[in-house]
Amino acid sequence: MTSILSRIRANGGDVTRQEWRFAFKRGRLSQEAVAWVKARWSEVCAEAWPPFWDWQERAAIREYDGGQIRADAERDAYGEVAQC
């Protein structure tokens, strides 16, 4: 099975990560392909950064149980996951 990232990269695109922030470069992907990628953005991020789901879970706990605003929850959760 071909990964999403390899399909994006085969078309001159890329997904990059700086800490917990992701950026998408479309390359030669069609509008339909870009829409497909955007609809599966969490899957793409998880492929680009395997701890993605752990980070999402920790951020959600901090936000909903801890009362943090989402941006702070994501930053603090990244600090936890990056240390693992």
Protein backbone atom coordinates (compact mmCIF):
# COMPACT_ATOMS: atom_id res chain seq x y z
CA MET A 1 0.00 0.00 0.00
CA THR A 2 1.33 3.40 -0.98
CA SER A 3 1.43 5.96 1.80
CA ILE A 4 -0.35 9.28 1.52
CA LEU A 5 2.93 11.16 1.96
CA SER A 6 4.66 9.21 -0.80
CA ARG A 7 1.77 10.00 -3.15
CA ILE A 8 1.96 13.70 -2.26
CA ARG A 9 5.75 13.73 -2.71
CA ALA A 10 5.54 11.87 -6.03
CA ASN A 11 3.56 14.86 -7.29
CA GLY A 12 6.04 17.47 -6.09
CA GLY A 13 4.20 18.24 -2.87
CA ASP A 14 5.20 17.82 0.74
CA VAL A 15 4.00 17.98 4.32
CA THR A 16 6.37 19.54 6.81
CA ARG A 17 6.22 19.85 10.56
CA GLN A 18 7.65 22.42 12.93
CA GLU A 19 6.89 21.25 16.44
CA TRP A 20 3.13 20.52 16.34
CA ARG A 21 2.36 22.75 13.36
CA PHE A 22 2.01 21.23 9.90
CA ALA A 23 2.28 22.85 6.48
CA PHE A 24 1.15 21.46 3.14
CA LYS A 25 2.84 22.23 -0.19
CA ARG A 26 0.57 21.09 -2.99
CA GLY A 27 3.12 20.67 -5.80
CA ARG A 28 1.36 19.41 -8.94
CA LEU A 29 -1.64 17.94 -7.10
CA SER A 30 -5.00 18.68 -8.71
CA GLN A 31 -7.72 20.57 -6.86
CA GLU A 32 -9.49 17.25 -6.32
CA ALA A 33 -6.36 15.71 -4.83
CA VAL A 34 -5.84 18.72 -2.56
CA ALA A 35 -9.45 18.42 -1.36
CA TRP A 36 -8.88 14.69 -0.72
CA VAL A 37 -5.76 15.45 1.35
CA LYS A 38 -7.55 18.16 3.33
CA ALA A 39 -10.41 15.77 4.10
CA ARG A 40 -7.87 13.34 5.56
CA TRP A 41 -5.59 15.92 7.17
CA SER A 42 -5.34 14.13 10.54
CA GLU A 43 -4.26 10.92 8.81
CA VAL A 44 -1.64 12.86 6.84
CA CYS A 45 -0.32 14.51 10.00
CA ALA A 46 -0.16 11.15 11.80
CA GLU A 47 1.84 9.70 8.93
CA ALA A 48 4.24 12.66 8.98
CA TRP A 49 4.60 12.50 12.79
CA PRO A 50 3.78 9.17 14.44
CA PRO A 51 3.13 10.66 17.96
CA PHE A 52 0.33 12.79 16.44
CA TRP A 53 -2.56 10.84 18.01
CA ASP A 54 -0.91 10.83 21.46
CA TRP A 55 -0.44 14.58 21.14
CA GLN A 56 -4.07 15.08 20.08
CA GLU A 57 -5.31 13.05 23.03
CA ARG A 58 -3.17 14.92 25.56
CA ALA A 59 -4.18 18.28 24.10
CA ALA A 60 -7.87 17.33 24.31
CA ILE A 61 -7.51 16.26 27.95
CA ARG A 62 -5.77 19.54 28.79
CA GLU A 63 -8.45 21.50 26.97
CA TYR A 64 -11.59 19.78 28.24
CA ASP A 65 -10.56 18.44 31.65
CA GLY A 66 -7.91 21.05 32.43
CA GLY A 67 -9.76 24.08 31.10
CA GLN A 68 -6.89 25.30 28.92
CA ILE A 69 -7.53 27.16 25.70
CA ARG A 70 -6.72 24.96 22.69
CA ALA A 71 -3.52 26.78 21.68
CA ASP A 72 -2.07 26.43 25.19
CA ALA A 73 -3.23 22.82 25.43
CA GLU A 74 -1.51 21.95 22.13
CA ARG A 75 1.73 23.66 23.18
CA ASP A 76 1.84 21.96 26.58
CA ALA A 77 0.85 18.57 25.16
CA TYR A 78 3.65 18.89 22.61
CA GLY A 79 6.10 19.39 25.46
CA GLU A 80 4.87 16.16 27.04
CA VAL A 81 4.93 14.10 23.86
CA ALA A 82 8.29 15.45 22.66
CA GLN A 83 9.92 14.27 25.91
CA CYS A 84 8.68 10.69 25.47
